[in-house]
Amino acid sequence: MESRNSKLRSGVNDVGYLILGCGEVLAGETTRQEPKVEDLALQISSESSSYKILKGSLQIAKQLDRLAREYGYRIVLHSKSAKGTSNVLKSLGNAWGSLGNYKAQLELTTQALEIKRRAYGRS
């Protein structure tokens, strides 16, 4: 019996990509309410007492992880700015860490740091 993965892909070398726009899908929303446990704080502004949060980020991380593991998707983040991509990678890494996947957290945090270094130099 064929697996679900083999039915989705026509050849051995086929790779599925899931492209997420950092400014759209993972942008989050600004609110004055503190983030819940299942939410991820993308930015905290102490001056205005507001938060930019991604609601349900732990569920999002679980689903992205499932797509990567079960179906072989490669997840690609797209942003017009290096800072935007770097921040989202770091945030997703933190979400994976909250789920206990420290390997994914380290990989995403390392990628975020590399992007920032390429864009802004080493400091």
PDB file of N, CA and C in Angstrom:
ATOM      1  N   MET A   1       0.849  -1.185   0.000  1.00  0.00           N
ATOM      2  CA  MET A   1       0.000   0.000   0.000  1.00  0.00           C
ATOM      3  C   MET A   1       0.889   1.240   0.000  1.00  0.00           C
ATOM      4  N   GLU A   2       0.568   2.185  -0.881  1.00  0.00           N
ATOM      5  CA  GLU A   2       1.355   3.409  -0.989  1.00  0.00           C
ATOM      6  C   GLU A   2       1.115   4.331   0.202  1.00  0.00           C
ATOM      7  N   SER A   3       2.174   5.003   0.608  1.00  0.00           N
ATOM      8  CA  SER A   3       2.022   5.971   1.691  1.00  0.00           C
ATOM      9  C   SER A   3       1.420   7.260   1.136  1.00  0.00           C
ATOM     10  N   ARG A   4       0.909   8.093   2.053  1.00  0.00           N
ATOM     11  CA  ARG A   4       0.353   9.383   1.631  1.00  0.00           C
ATOM     12  C   ARG A   4       1.419  10.218   0.942  1.00  0.00           C
ATOM     13  N   ASN A   5       2.648  10.140   1.444  1.00  0.00           N
ATOM     14  CA  ASN A   5       3.746  10.922   0.911  1.00  0.00           C
ATOM     15  C   ASN A   5       4.030  10.573  -0.547  1.00  0.00           C
ATOM     16  N   SER A   6       4.028   9.278  -0.883  1.00  0.00           N
ATOM     17  CA  SER A   6       4.325   8.879  -2.252  1.00  0.00           C
ATOM     18  C   SER A   6       3.197   9.247  -3.203  1.00  0.00           C
ATOM     19  N   LYS A   7       1.983   9.332  -2.717  1.00  0.00           N
ATOM     20  CA  LYS A   7       0.868   9.733  -3.568  1.00  0.00           C
ATOM     21  C   LYS A   7       0.941  11.216  -3.916  1.00  0.00           C
ATOM     22  N   LEU A   8       1.519  12.023  -3.027  1.00  0.00           N
ATOM     23  CA  LEU A   8       1.584  13.462  -3.252  1.00  0.00           C
ATOM     24  C   LEU A   8       2.716  13.855  -4.183  1.00  0.00           C
ATOM     25  N   ARG A   9       3.748  13.032  -4.276  1.00  0.00           N
ATOM     26  CA  ARG A   9       4.916  13.392  -5.048  1.00  0.00           C
ATOM     27  C   ARG A   9       5.083  12.416  -6.200  1.00  0.00           C
ATOM     28  N   SER A  10       5.325  12.960  -7.378  1.00  0.00           N
ATOM     29  CA  SER A  10       5.382  12.114  -8.558  1.00  0.00           C
ATOM     30  C   SER A  10       6.734  11.449  -8.750  1.00  0.00           C
ATOM     31  N   GLY A  11       7.793  12.008  -8.243  1.00  0.00           N
ATOM     32  CA  GLY A  11       9.117  11.434  -8.439  1.00  0.00           C
ATOM     33  C   GLY A  11       9.922  11.454  -7.162  1.00  0.00           C
ATOM     34  N   VAL A  12      11.013  10.717  -7.169  1.00  0.00           N
ATOM     35  CA  VAL A  12      11.839  10.599  -5.979  1.00  0.00           C
ATOM     36  C   VAL A  12      12.439  11.939  -5.583  1.00  0.00           C
ATOM     37  N   ASN A  13      12.851  12.744  -6.546  1.00  0.00           N
ATOM     38  CA  ASN A  13      13.535  14.000  -6.253  1.00  0.00           C
ATOM     39  C   ASN A  13      12.601  15.194  -6.130  1.00  0.00           C
ATOM     40  N   ASP A  14      11.315  14.991  -6.233  1.00  0.00           N
ATOM     41  CA  ASP A  14      10.374  16.100  -6.104  1.00  0.00           C
ATOM     42  C   ASP A  14      10.366  16.615  -4.676  1.00  0.00           C
ATOM     43  N   VAL A  15      10.346  17.924  -4.547  1.00  0.00           N
ATOM     44  CA  VAL A  15      10.288  18.552  -3.233  1.00  0.00           C
ATOM     45  C   VAL A  15       9.132  19.539  -3.257  1.00  0.00           C
ATOM     46  N   GLY A  16       8.306  19.486  -2.226  1.00  0.00           N
ATOM     47  CA  GLY A  16       7.227  20.452  -2.109  1.00  0.00           C
ATOM     48  C   GLY A  16       7.675  21.611  -1.241  1.00  0.00           C
ATOM     49  N   TYR A  17       7.366  22.814  -1.664  1.00  0.00           N
ATOM     50  CA  TYR A  17       7.731  24.000  -0.901  1.00  0.00           C
ATOM     51  C   TYR A  17       6.469  24.694  -0.420  1.00  0.00           C
ATOM     52  N   LEU A  18       6.491  25.092   0.823  1.00  0.00           N
ATOM     53  CA  LEU A  18       5.420  25.882   1.397  1.00  0.00           C
ATOM     54  C   LEU A  18       6.009  27.254   1.668  1.00  0.00           C
ATOM     55  N   ILE A  19       5.593  28.255   0.887  1.00  0.00           N
ATOM     56  CA  ILE A  19       6.167  29.592   0.993  1.00  0.00           C
ATOM     57  C   ILE A  19       5.232  30.467   1.822  1.00  0.00           C
ATOM     58  N   LEU A  20       5.774  31.002   2.908  1.00  0.00           N
ATOM     59  CA  LEU A  20       5.004  31.850   3.813  1.00  0.00           C
ATOM     60  C   LEU A  20       5.531  33.276   3.747  1.00  0.00           C
ATOM     61  N   GLY A  21       4.633  34.222   3.526  1.00  0.00           N
ATOM     62  CA  GLY A  21       5.009  35.628   3.531  1.00  0.00           C
ATOM     63  C   GLY A  21       5.072  36.145   4.961  1.00  0.00           C
ATOM     64  N   CYS A  22       6.252  36.553   5.382  1.00  0.00           N
ATOM     65  CA  CYS A  22       6.433  37.026   6.764  1.00  0.00           C
ATOM     66  C   CYS A  22       5.547  38.230   7.059  1.00  0.00           C
ATOM     67  N   GLY A  23       5.351  39.074   6.076  1.00  0.00           N
ATOM     68  CA  GLY A  23       4.548  40.270   6.290  1.00  0.00           C
ATOM     69  C   GLY A  23       3.054  40.020   6.246  1.00  0.00           C
ATOM     70  N   GLU A  24       2.647  38.844   5.795  1.00  0.00           N
ATOM     71  CA  GLU A  24       1.223  38.555   5.710  1.00  0.00           C
ATOM     72  C   GLU A  24       0.819  37.474   6.708  1.00  0.00           C
ATOM     73  N   VAL A  25       1.204  36.251   6.423  1.00  0.00           N
ATOM     74  CA  VAL A  25       0.771  35.104   7.209  1.00  0.00           C
ATOM     75  C   VAL A  25       1.271  35.168   8.645  1.00  0.00           C
ATOM     76  N   LEU A  26       2.507  35.571   8.816  1.00  0.00           N
ATOM     77  CA  LEU A  26       3.129  35.540  10.140  1.00  0.00           C
ATOM     78  C   LEU A  26       3.349  36.935  10.722  1.00  0.00           C
ATOM     79  N   ALA A  27       2.576  37.902  10.259  1.00  0.00           N
ATOM     80  CA  ALA A  27       2.778  39.282  10.707  1.00  0.00           C
ATOM     81  C   ALA A  27       2.324  39.513  12.142  1.00  0.00           C
ATOM     82  N   GLY A  28       1.318  38.811  12.573  1.00  0.00           N
ATOM     83  CA  GLY A  28       0.797  39.030  13.920  1.00  0.00           C
ATOM     84  C   GLY A  28      -0.133  40.221  13.968  1.00  0.00           C
ATOM     85  N   GLU A  29      -0.618  40.520  15.156  1.00  0.00           N
ATOM     86  CA  GLU A  29      -1.500  41.664  15.333  1.00  0.00           C
ATOM     87  C   GLU A  29      -1.101  42.429  16.586  1.00  0.00           C
ATOM     88  N   THR A  30      -1.362  43.708  16.583  1.00  0.00           N
ATOM     89  CA  THR A  30      -1.014  44.552  17.715  1.00  0.00           C
ATOM     90  C   THR A  30      -2.196  44.624  18.670  1.00  0.00           C
ATOM     91  N   THR A  31      -1.905  44.444  19.948  1.00  0.00           N
ATOM     92  CA  THR A  31      -2.943  44.461  20.967  1.00  0.00           C
ATOM     93  C   THR A  31      -2.362  44.954  22.282  1.00  0.00           C
ATOM     94  N   ARG A  32      -3.226  45.385  23.182  1.00  0.00           N
ATOM     95  CA  ARG A  32      -2.784  45.780  24.520  1.00  0.00           C
ATOM     96  C   ARG A  32      -2.908  44.629  25.517  1.00  0.00           C
ATOM     97  N   GLN A  33      -3.552  43.550  25.100  1.00  0.00           N
ATOM     98  CA  GLN A  33      -3.706  42.383  25.974  1.00  0.00           C
ATOM     99  C   GLN A  33      -2.426  41.553  25.960  1.00  0.00           C
ATOM    100  N   GLU A  34      -2.064  41.042  27.125  1.00  0.00           N
ATOM    101  CA  GLU A  34      -0.880  40.197  27.208  1.00  0.00           C
ATOM    102  C   GLU A  34      -1.101  38.909  26.420  1.00  0.00           C
ATOM    103  N   PRO A  35      -0.025  38.377  25.818  1.00  0.00           N
ATOM    104  CA  PRO A  35      -0.172  37.125  25.064  1.00  0.00           C
ATOM    105  C   PRO A  35      -0.572  35.968  25.970  1.00  0.00           C
ATOM    106  N   LYS A  36      -1.367  35.056  25.418  1.00  0.00           N
ATOM    107  CA  LYS A  36      -1.727  33.832  26.130  1.00  0.00           C
ATOM    108  C   LYS A  36      -0.590  32.827  25.956  1.00  0.00           C
ATOM    109  N   VAL A  37      -0.661  31.727  26.669  1.00  0.00           N
ATOM    110  CA  VAL A  37       0.385  30.705  26.614  1.00  0.00           C
ATOM    111  C   VAL A  37       0.584  30.191  25.192  1.00  0.00           C
ATOM    112  N   GLU A  38      -0.506  30.033  24.435  1.00  0.00           N
ATOM    113  CA  GLU A  38      -0.412  29.476  23.087  1.00  0.00           C
ATOM    114  C   GLU A  38      -0.048  30.521  22.032  1.00  0.00           C
ATOM    115  N   ASP A  39       0.112  31.781  22.444  1.00  0.00           N
ATOM    116  CA  ASP A  39       0.480  32.857  21.526  1.00  0.00           C
ATOM    117  C   ASP A  39       1.977  33.140  21.638  1.00  0.00           C
ATOM    118  N   LEU A  40       2.515  33.799  20.646  1.00  0.00           N
ATOM    119  CA  LEU A  40       3.925  34.143  20.636  1.00  0.00           C
ATOM    120  C   LEU A  40       4.056  35.649  20.510  1.00  0.00           C
ATOM    121  N   ALA A  41       4.788  36.263  21.428  1.00  0.00           N
ATOM    122  CA  ALA A  41       5.024  37.696  21.369  1.00  0.00           C
ATOM    123  C   ALA A  41       6.120  37.961  20.345  1.00  0.00           C
ATOM    124  N   LEU A  42       5.776  38.646  19.267  1.00  0.00           N
ATOM    125  CA  LEU A  42       6.744  38.981  18.240  1.00  0.00           C
ATOM    126  C   LEU A  42       7.484  40.257  18.596  1.00  0.00           C
ATOM    127  N   GLN A  43       6.795  41.147  19.297  1.00  0.00           N
ATOM    128  CA  GLN A  43       7.385  42.430  19.659  1.00  0.00           C
ATOM    129  C   GLN A  43       6.641  42.968  20.870  1.00  0.00           C
ATOM    130  N   ILE A  44       7.372  43.545  21.796  1.00  0.00           N
ATOM    131  CA  ILE A  44       6.765  44.145  22.979  1.00  0.00           C
ATOM    132  C   ILE A  44       7.197  45.596  23.034  1.00  0.00           C
ATOM    133  N   SER A  45       6.226  46.497  23.110  1.00  0.00           N
ATOM    134  CA  SER A  45       6.518  47.913  23.188  1.00  0.00           C
ATOM    135  C   SER A  45       6.212  48.416  24.596  1.00  0.00           C
ATOM    136  N   SER A  46       7.261  48.749  25.329  1.00  0.00           N
ATOM    137  CA  SER A  46       7.054  49.212  26.699  1.00  0.00           C
ATOM    138  C   SER A  46       6.509  50.636  26.735  1.00  0.00           C
ATOM    139  N   GLU A  47       6.818  51.439  25.707  1.00  0.00           N
ATOM    140  CA  GLU A  47       6.324  52.822  25.685  1.00  0.00           C
ATOM    141  C   GLU A  47       4.806  52.891  25.575  1.00  0.00           C
ATOM    142  N   SER A  48       4.233  52.060  24.709  1.00  0.00           N
ATOM    143  CA  SER A  48       2.793  52.123  24.491  1.00  0.00           C
ATOM    144  C   SER A  48       2.039  50.984  25.180  1.00  0.00           C
ATOM    145  N   SER A  49       2.735  50.171  25.957  1.00  0.00           N
ATOM    146  CA  SER A  49       2.125  49.022  26.639  1.00  0.00           C
ATOM    147  C   SER A  49       1.343  48.137  25.671  1.00  0.00           C
ATOM    148  N   SER A  50       1.940  47.881  24.511  1.00  0.00           N
ATOM    149  CA  SER A  50       1.262  47.038  23.528  1.00  0.00           C
ATOM    150  C   SER A  50       2.165  45.877  23.131  1.00  0.00           C
ATOM    151  N   TYR A  51       1.524  44.865  22.553  1.00  0.00           N
ATOM    152  CA  TYR A  51       2.208  43.656  22.116  1.00  0.00           C
ATOM    153  C   TYR A  51       1.864  43.403  20.665  1.00  0.00           C
ATOM    154  N   LYS A  52       2.819  42.901  19.924  1.00  0.00           N
ATOM    155  CA  LYS A  52       2.531  42.379  18.594  1.00  0.00           C
ATOM    156  C   LYS A  52       2.643  40.872  18.753  1.00  0.00           C
ATOM    157  N   ILE A  53       1.516  40.183  18.592  1.00  0.00           N
ATOM    158  CA  ILE A  53       1.490  38.746  18.865  1.00  0.00           C
ATOM    159  C   ILE A  53       1.009  37.955  17.654  1.00  0.00           C
ATOM    160  N   LEU A  54       1.467  36.728  17.618  1.00  0.00           N
ATOM    161  CA  LEU A  54       0.985  35.771  16.632  1.00  0.00           C
ATOM    162  C   LEU A  54       0.104  34.803  17.390  1.00  0.00           C
ATOM    163  N   LYS A  55      -1.200  34.960  17.226  1.00  0.00           N
ATOM    164  CA  LYS A  55      -2.149  34.120  17.970  1.00  0.00           C
ATOM    165  C   LYS A  55      -2.080  32.676  17.492  1.00  0.00           C
ATOM    166  N   GLY A  56      -2.132  31.769  18.448  1.00  0.00           N
ATOM    167  CA  GLY A  56      -2.131  30.351  18.128  1.00  0.00           C
ATOM    168  C   GLY A  56      -0.818  29.858  17.541  1.00  0.00           C
ATOM    169  N   SER A  57       0.296  30.505  17.900  1.00  0.00           N
ATOM    170  CA  SER A  57       1.578  30.171  17.278  1.00  0.00           C
ATOM    171  C   SER A  57       2.024  28.740  17.555  1.00  0.00           C
ATOM    172  N   LEU A  58       1.689  28.203  18.718  1.00  0.00           N
ATOM    173  CA  LEU A  58       2.085  26.821  18.997  1.00  0.00           C
ATOM    174  C   LEU A  58       1.369  25.859  18.053  1.00  0.00           C
ATOM    175  N   GLN A  59       0.116  26.122  17.764  1.00  0.00           N
ATOM    176  CA  GLN A  59      -0.633  25.293  16.807  1.00  0.00           C
ATOM    177  C   GLN A  59      -0.048  25.447  15.408  1.00  0.00           C
ATOM    178  N   ILE A  60       0.341  26.665  15.049  1.00  0.00           N
ATOM    179  CA  ILE A  60       0.964  26.902  13.743  1.00  0.00           C
ATOM    180  C   ILE A  60       2.265  26.113  13.643  1.00  0.00           C
ATOM    181  N   ALA A  61       3.083  26.172  14.689  1.00  0.00           N
ATOM    182  CA  ALA A  61       4.354  25.444  14.694  1.00  0.00           C
ATOM    183  C   ALA A  61       4.125  23.942  14.567  1.00  0.00           C
ATOM    184  N   LYS A  62       3.125  23.422  15.255  1.00  0.00           N
ATOM    185  CA  LYS A  62       2.822  21.985  15.169  1.00  0.00           C
ATOM    186  C   LYS A  62       2.440  21.601  13.743  1.00  0.00           C
ATOM    187  N   GLN A  63       1.616  22.419  13.103  1.00  0.00           N
ATOM    188  CA  GLN A  63       1.164  22.098  11.750  1.00  0.00           C
ATOM    189  C   GLN A  63       2.311  22.196  10.742  1.00  0.00           C
ATOM    190  N   LEU A  64       3.166  23.215  10.881  1.00  0.00           N
ATOM    191  CA  LEU A  64       4.315  23.338   9.987  1.00  0.00           C
ATOM    192  C   LEU A  64       5.256  22.153  10.170  1.00  0.00           C
ATOM    193  N   ASP A  65       5.462  21.756  11.410  1.00  0.00           N
ATOM    194  CA  ASP A  65       6.311  20.603  11.698  1.00  0.00           C
ATOM    195  C   ASP A  65       5.723  19.339  11.074  1.00  0.00           C
ATOM    196  N   ARG A  66       4.426  19.176  11.179  1.00  0.00           N
ATOM    197  CA  ARG A  66       3.746  18.003  10.598  1.00  0.00           C
ATOM    198  C   ARG A  66       3.903  17.980   9.078  1.00  0.00           C
ATOM    199  N   LEU A  67       3.719  19.136   8.431  1.00  0.00           N
ATOM    200  CA  LEU A  67       3.877  19.205   6.977  1.00  0.00           C
ATOM    201  C   LEU A  67       5.298  18.840   6.554  1.00  0.00           C
ATOM    202  N   ALA A  68       6.275  19.288   7.337  1.00  0.00           N
ATOM    203  CA  ALA A  68       7.665  18.992   7.008  1.00  0.00           C
ATOM    204  C   ALA A  68       7.986  17.514   7.225  1.00  0.00           C
ATOM    205  N   ARG A  69       7.527  16.966   8.338  1.00  0.00           N
ATOM    206  CA  ARG A  69       7.852  15.572   8.669  1.00  0.00           C
ATOM    207  C   ARG A  69       7.075  14.568   7.823  1.00  0.00           C
ATOM    208  N   GLU A  70       5.765  14.722   7.786  1.00  0.00           N
ATOM    209  CA  GLU A  70       4.924  13.710   7.145  1.00  0.00           C
ATOM    210  C   GLU A  70       4.883  13.800   5.626  1.00  0.00           C
ATOM    211  N   TYR A  71       4.985  15.007   5.096  1.00  0.00           N
ATOM    212  CA  TYR A  71       4.822  15.178   3.654  1.00  0.00           C
ATOM    213  C   TYR A  71       6.087  15.646   2.951  1.00  0.00           C
ATOM    214  N   GLY A  72       7.148  15.872   3.712  1.00  0.00           N
ATOM    215  CA  GLY A  72       8.415  16.255   3.109  1.00  0.00           C
ATOM    216  C   GLY A  72       8.478  17.672   2.582  1.00  0.00           C
ATOM    217  N   TYR A  73       7.569  18.532   3.023  1.00  0.00           N
ATOM    218  CA  TYR A  73       7.613  19.920   2.577  1.00  0.00           C
ATOM    219  C   TYR A  73       8.821  20.635   3.146  1.00  0.00           C
ATOM    220  N   ARG A  74       9.367  21.527   2.367  1.00  0.00           N
ATOM    221  CA  ARG A  74      10.383  22.453   2.850  1.00  0.00           C
ATOM    222  C   ARG A  74       9.688  23.784   3.023  1.00  0.00           C
ATOM    223  N   ILE A  75       9.875  24.371   4.182  1.00  0.00           N
ATOM    224  CA  ILE A  75       9.196  25.626   4.502  1.00  0.00           C
ATOM    225  C   ILE A  75      10.116  26.787   4.177  1.00  0.00           C
ATOM    226  N   VAL A  76       9.606  27.722   3.377  1.00  0.00           N
ATOM    227  CA  VAL A  76      10.380  28.872   2.942  1.00  0.00           C
ATOM    228  C   VAL A  76       9.669  30.128   3.435  1.00  0.00           C
ATOM    229  N   LEU A  77      10.414  30.999   4.085  1.00  0.00           N
ATOM    230  CA  LEU A  77       9.865  32.274   4.543  1.00  0.00           C
ATOM    231  C   LEU A  77      10.291  33.359   3.571  1.00  0.00           C
ATOM    232  N   HIS A  78       9.362  34.225   3.228  1.00  0.00           N
ATOM    233  CA  HIS A  78       9.649  35.308   2.292  1.00  0.00           C
ATOM    234  C   HIS A  78       9.337  36.632   2.967  1.00  0.00           C
ATOM    235  N   SER A  79      10.252  37.566   2.829  1.00  0.00           N
ATOM    236  CA  SER A  79      10.035  38.900   3.375  1.00  0.00           C
ATOM    237  C   SER A  79      10.795  39.891   2.515  1.00  0.00           C
ATOM    238  N   LYS A  80      10.313  41.110   2.474  1.00  0.00           N
ATOM    239  CA  LYS A  80      11.016  42.159   1.739  1.00  0.00           C
ATOM    240  C   LYS A  80      12.221  42.666   2.522  1.00  0.00           C
ATOM    241  N   SER A  81      12.278  42.335   3.806  1.00  0.00           N
ATOM    242  CA  SER A  81      13.401  42.796   4.620  1.00  0.00           C
ATOM    243  C   SER A  81      14.068  41.640   5.340  1.00  0.00           C
ATOM    244  N   ALA A  82      15.365  41.734   5.477  1.00  0.00           N
ATOM    245  CA  ALA A  82      16.112  40.713   6.212  1.00  0.00           C
ATOM    246  C   ALA A  82      15.681  40.696   7.671  1.00  0.00           C
ATOM    247  N   LYS A  83      15.398  41.863   8.208  1.00  0.00           N
ATOM    248  CA  LYS A  83      14.979  41.950   9.611  1.00  0.00           C
ATOM    249  C   LYS A  83      13.669  41.198   9.828  1.00  0.00           C
ATOM    250  N   GLY A  84      12.719  41.353   8.899  1.00  0.00           N
ATOM    251  CA  GLY A  84      11.436  40.666   9.023  1.00  0.00           C
ATOM    252  C   GLY A  84      11.597  39.157   9.005  1.00  0.00           C
ATOM    253  N   THR A  85      12.399  38.663   8.059  1.00  0.00           N
ATOM    254  CA  THR A  85      12.631  37.226   7.969  1.00  0.00           C
ATOM    255  C   THR A  85      13.335  36.715   9.209  1.00  0.00           C
ATOM    256  N   SER A  86      14.354  37.446   9.642  1.00  0.00           N
ATOM    257  CA  SER A  86      15.119  37.044  10.822  1.00  0.00           C
ATOM    258  C   SER A  86      14.239  36.987  12.069  1.00  0.00           C
ATOM    259  N   ASN A  87      13.400  37.990  12.248  1.00  0.00           N
ATOM    260  CA  ASN A  87      12.516  38.021  13.426  1.00  0.00           C
ATOM    261  C   ASN A  87      11.516  36.869  13.421  1.00  0.00           C
ATOM    262  N   VAL A  88      10.972  36.554  12.257  1.00  0.00           N
ATOM    263  CA  VAL A  88      10.005  35.458  12.175  1.00  0.00           C
ATOM    264  C   VAL A  88      10.695  34.121  12.427  1.00  0.00           C
ATOM    265  N   LEU A  89      11.891  33.932  11.874  1.00  0.00           N
ATOM    266  CA  LEU A  89      12.628  32.696  12.133  1.00  0.00           C
ATOM    267  C   LEU A  89      12.906  32.522  13.621  1.00  0.00           C
ATOM    268  N   LYS A  90      13.316  33.605  14.258  1.00  0.00           N
ATOM    269  CA  LYS A  90      13.587  33.547  15.697  1.00  0.00           C
ATOM    270  C   LYS A  90      12.310  33.225  16.469  1.00  0.00           C
ATOM    271  N   SER A  91      11.214  33.857  16.110  1.00  0.00           N
ATOM    272  CA  SER A  91       9.942  33.614  16.787  1.00  0.00           C
ATOM    273  C   SER A  91       9.457  32.185  16.597  1.00  0.00           C
ATOM    274  N   LEU A  92       9.578  31.679  15.367  1.00  0.00           N
ATOM    275  CA  LEU A  92       9.180  30.290  15.126  1.00  0.00           C
ATOM    276  C   LEU A  92      10.099  29.326  15.871  1.00  0.00           C
ATOM    277  N   GLY A  93      11.371  29.650  15.949  1.00  0.00           N
ATOM    278  CA  GLY A  93      12.298  28.837  16.725  1.00  0.00           C
ATOM    279  C   GLY A  93      11.886  28.772  18.181  1.00  0.00           C
ATOM    280  N   ASN A  94      11.478  29.904  18.727  1.00  0.00           N
ATOM    281  CA  ASN A  94      11.016  29.930  20.121  1.00  0.00           C
ATOM    282  C   ASN A  94       9.750  29.091  20.299  1.00  0.00           C
ATOM    283  N   ALA A  95       8.878  29.132  19.293  1.00  0.00           N
ATOM    284  CA  ALA A  95       7.660  28.324  19.371  1.00  0.00           C
ATOM    285  C   ALA A  95       8.009  26.837  19.356  1.00  0.00           C
ATOM    286  N   TRP A  96       8.928  26.432  18.480  1.00  0.00           N
ATOM    287  CA  TRP A  96       9.349  25.033  18.448  1.00  0.00           C
ATOM    288  C   TRP A  96       9.996  24.652  19.780  1.00  0.00           C
ATOM    289  N   GLY A  97      10.777  25.556  20.368  1.00  0.00           N
ATOM    290  CA  GLY A  97      11.371  25.288  21.672  1.00  0.00           C
ATOM    291  C   GLY A  97      10.318  25.083  22.737  1.00  0.00           C
ATOM    292  N   SER A  98       9.249  25.852  22.673  1.00  0.00           N
ATOM    293  CA  SER A  98       8.146  25.693  23.624  1.00  0.00           C
ATOM    294  C   SER A  98       7.483  24.329  23.493  1.00  0.00           C
ATOM    295  N   LEU A  99       7.577  23.741  22.293  1.00  0.00           N
ATOM    296  CA  LEU A  99       7.012  22.416  22.055  1.00  0.00           C
ATOM    297  C   LEU A  99       8.011  21.310  22.398  1.00  0.00           C
ATOM    298  N   GLY A 100       9.210  21.696  22.819  1.00  0.00           N
ATOM    299  CA  GLY A 100      10.223  20.713  23.187  1.00  0.00           C
ATOM    300  C   GLY A 100      11.123  20.280  22.047  1.00  0.00           C
ATOM    301  N   ASN A 101      10.988  20.889  20.872  1.00  0.00           N
ATOM    302  CA  ASN A 101      11.836  20.548  19.730  1.00  0.00           C
ATOM    303  C   ASN A 101      13.010  21.523  19.706  1.00  0.00           C
ATOM    304  N   TYR A 102      14.022  21.227  20.534  1.00  0.00           N
ATOM    305  CA  TYR A 102      15.150  22.141  20.697  1.00  0.00           C
ATOM    306  C   TYR A 102      16.083  22.130  19.491  1.00  0.00           C
ATOM    307  N   LYS A 103      16.102  21.037  18.757  1.00  0.00           N
ATOM    308  CA  LYS A 103      16.917  20.983  17.543  1.00  0.00           C
ATOM    309  C   LYS A 103      16.387  21.989  16.516  1.00  0.00           C
ATOM    310  N   ALA A 104      15.073  21.992  16.302  1.00  0.00           N
ATOM    311  CA  ALA A 104      14.470  22.949  15.367  1.00  0.00           C
ATOM    312  C   ALA A 104      14.670  24.376  15.868  1.00  0.00           C
ATOM    313  N   GLN A 105      14.570  24.569  17.179  1.00  0.00           N
ATOM    314  CA  GLN A 105      14.778  25.902  17.744  1.00  0.00           C
ATOM    315  C   GLN A 105      16.193  26.392  17.442  1.00  0.00           C
ATOM    316  N   LEU A 106      17.179  25.538  17.647  1.00  0.00           N
ATOM    317  CA  LEU A 106      18.564  25.917  17.392  1.00  0.00           C
ATOM    318  C   LEU A 106      18.795  26.209  15.909  1.00  0.00           C
ATOM    319  N   GLU A 107      18.244  25.373  15.031  1.00  0.00           N
ATOM    320  CA  GLU A 107      18.407  25.581  13.592  1.00  0.00           C
ATOM    321  C   GLU A 107      17.810  26.914  13.146  1.00  0.00           C
ATOM    322  N   LEU A 108      16.600  27.207  13.600  1.00  0.00           N
ATOM    323  CA  LEU A 108      15.938  28.448  13.186  1.00  0.00           C
ATOM    324  C   LEU A 108      16.614  29.676  13.779  1.00  0.00           C
ATOM    325  N   THR A 109      17.042  29.591  15.023  1.00  0.00           N
ATOM    326  CA  THR A 109      17.725  30.716  15.657  1.00  0.00           C
ATOM    327  C   THR A 109      19.064  30.977  14.970  1.00  0.00           C
ATOM    328  N   THR A 110      19.761  29.919  14.597  1.00  0.00           N
ATOM    329  CA  THR A 110      21.034  30.064  13.880  1.00  0.00           C
ATOM    330  C   THR A 110      20.815  30.709  12.521  1.00  0.00           C
ATOM    331  N   GLN A 111      19.773  30.277  11.809  1.00  0.00           N
ATOM    332  CA  GLN A 111      19.456  30.892  10.517  1.00  0.00           C
ATOM    333  C   GLN A 111      19.129  32.369  10.678  1.00  0.00           C
ATOM    334  N   ALA A 112      18.375  32.691  11.716  1.00  0.00           N
ATOM    335  CA  ALA A 112      18.007  34.092  11.968  1.00  0.00           C
ATOM    336  C   ALA A 112      19.264  34.932  12.203  1.00  0.00           C
ATOM    337  N   LEU A 113      20.195  34.417  12.972  1.00  0.00           N
ATOM    338  CA  LEU A 113      21.435  35.136  13.256  1.00  0.00           C
ATOM    339  C   LEU A 113      22.264  35.320  11.988  1.00  0.00           C
ATOM    340  N   GLU A 114      22.340  34.281  11.165  1.00  0.00           N
ATOM    341  CA  GLU A 114      23.097  34.380   9.907  1.00  0.00           C
ATOM    342  C   GLU A 114      22.505  35.440   8.985  1.00  0.00           C
ATOM    343  N   ILE A 115      21.195  35.503   8.906  1.00  0.00           N
ATOM    344  CA  ILE A 115      20.537  36.508   8.058  1.00  0.00           C
ATOM    345  C   ILE A 115      20.842  37.911   8.575  1.00  0.00           C
ATOM    346  N   LYS A 116      20.743  38.107   9.876  1.00  0.00           N
ATOM    347  CA  LYS A 116      21.050  39.432  10.448  1.00  0.00           C
ATOM    348  C   LYS A 116      22.504  39.812  10.200  1.00  0.00           C
ATOM    349  N   ARG A 117      23.414  38.865  10.349  1.00  0.00           N
ATOM    350  CA  ARG A 117      24.833  39.159  10.126  1.00  0.00           C
ATOM    351  C   ARG A 117      25.107  39.526   8.674  1.00  0.00           C
ATOM    352  N   ARG A 118      24.466  38.833   7.728  1.00  0.00           N
ATOM    353  CA  ARG A 118      24.651  39.158   6.308  1.00  0.00           C
ATOM    354  C   ARG A 118      24.107  40.545   6.007  1.00  0.00           C
ATOM    355  N   ALA A 119      22.979  40.890   6.602  1.00  0.00           N
ATOM    356  CA  ALA A 119      22.331  42.169   6.309  1.00  0.00           C
ATOM    357  C   ALA A 119      22.990  43.341   7.028  1.00  0.00           C
ATOM    358  N   TYR A 120      23.404  43.128   8.280  1.00  0.00           N
ATOM    359  CA  TYR A 120      23.882  44.246   9.101  1.00  0.00           C
ATOM    360  C   TYR A 120      25.332  44.136   9.514  1.00  0.00           C
ATOM    361  N   GLY A 121      25.996  43.045   9.174  1.00  0.00           N
ATOM    362  CA  GLY A 121      27.390  42.847   9.564  1.00  0.00           C
ATOM    363  C   GLY A 121      27.482  42.231  10.948  1.00  0.00           C
ATOM    364  N   ARG A 122      28.666  41.795  11.276  1.00  0.00           N
ATOM    365  CA  ARG A 122      28.913  41.182  12.592  1.00  0.00           C
ATOM    366  C   ARG A 122      29.058  42.271  13.628  1.00  0.00           C
ATOM    367  N   SER A 123      28.411  42.059  14.777  1.00  0.00           N
ATOM    368  CA  SER A 123      28.589  43.031  15.877  1.00  0.00           C
ATOM    369  C   SER A 123      28.412  42.370  17.207  1.00  0.00           C
TER     370      SER A 123
END
